[in-house]
Amino acid sequence: MHKAFASIYEKDGQGANRCDTFNNLIESLKSIRSNTMRVNKMEYELSTLPNEQQQKIIELLEQVV
C-alpha cells in the first residue's frame, strides 16, 4: 500500500524532514466532510471538496483497490 504513494513521497523531504507519512496522508482525508444541514424546515447536504493533495491521494487509492 505504501508503495502506491511513492509519487507523493518523492516530492517530500527525507527522514526527519519528511512531512507526508502514510498516517498523515490518511489523516488529511478525514477532513473531507459530508453533512446534512437543517435550517428552519429546509434540509440540504453540505459537502467539502478534496483539495489538490487529497484528490491525488484518492486517485492513488483507487488504483490500488
Protein backbone atom coordinates (compact mmCIF):
# COMPACT_ATOMS: atom_id res chain seq x y z
CA MET A 1 0.00 0.00 0.00
CA HIS A 2 2.74 2.46 0.93
CA LYS A 3 4.38 1.98 -2.47
CA ALA A 4 1.25 3.40 -4.10
CA PHE A 5 2.16 6.78 -2.59
CA ALA A 6 5.71 6.83 -3.95
CA SER A 7 4.92 9.81 -6.20
CA ILE A 8 3.88 11.85 -3.15
CA TYR A 9 6.83 10.70 -1.05
CA GLU A 10 9.33 11.58 -3.82
CA LYS A 11 8.30 15.25 -3.65
CA ASP A 12 8.59 15.30 0.14
CA GLY A 13 11.76 15.54 2.23
CA GLN A 14 13.86 12.67 3.53
CA GLY A 15 13.99 11.17 7.02
CA ALA A 16 13.17 13.67 9.77
CA ASN A 17 12.42 16.34 7.14
CA ARG A 18 9.60 14.27 5.63
CA CYS A 19 6.16 15.75 6.27
CA ASP A 20 3.99 13.24 4.45
CA THR A 21 3.80 9.90 6.20
CA PHE A 22 1.17 7.26 5.45
CA ASN A 23 -0.67 8.21 8.65
CA ASN A 24 -0.57 11.93 7.76
CA LEU A 25 -1.96 11.20 4.30
CA ILE A 26 -4.85 9.22 5.78
CA GLU A 27 -5.44 11.91 8.43
CA SER A 28 -5.72 14.56 5.72
CA LEU A 29 -8.57 12.59 4.13
CA LYS A 30 -10.52 12.77 7.40
CA SER A 31 -11.14 16.48 6.88
CA ILE A 32 -13.38 15.77 3.88
CA ARG A 33 -16.92 16.00 5.19
CA SER A 34 -20.50 15.45 4.09
CA ASN A 35 -23.22 16.62 6.46
CA THR A 36 -26.96 17.02 6.36
CA MET A 37 -27.80 20.57 7.38
CA ARG A 38 -31.19 21.66 8.69
CA VAL A 39 -32.18 25.32 8.77
CA ASN A 40 -35.76 26.04 9.82
CA LYS A 41 -37.64 23.37 7.85
CA MET A 42 -35.18 23.12 4.99
CA GLU A 43 -32.68 20.31 4.74
CA TYR A 44 -29.66 20.10 2.43
CA GLU A 45 -26.34 18.31 2.04
CA LEU A 46 -23.17 20.24 2.64
CA SER A 47 -20.04 18.53 1.34
CA THR A 48 -16.46 19.71 1.28
CA LEU A 49 -14.36 19.06 -1.79
CA PRO A 50 -10.94 17.43 -1.58
CA ASN A 51 -8.00 19.77 -2.02
CA GLU A 52 -5.31 19.02 -4.61
CA GLN A 53 -3.27 16.72 -2.38
CA GLN A 54 -6.35 14.89 -1.08
CA GLN A 55 -7.55 14.34 -4.64
CA LYS A 56 -4.16 12.85 -5.56
CA ILE A 57 -4.35 10.51 -2.53
CA ILE A 58 -7.87 9.41 -3.55
CA GLU A 59 -6.74 8.72 -7.11
CA LEU A 60 -3.79 6.66 -5.90
CA LEU A 61 -6.01 4.67 -3.53
CA GLU A 62 -8.45 3.94 -6.37
CA GLN A 63 -5.57 2.49 -8.41
CA VAL A 64 -4.67 0.11 -5.58
CA VAL A 65 -8.21 -1.12 -4.93
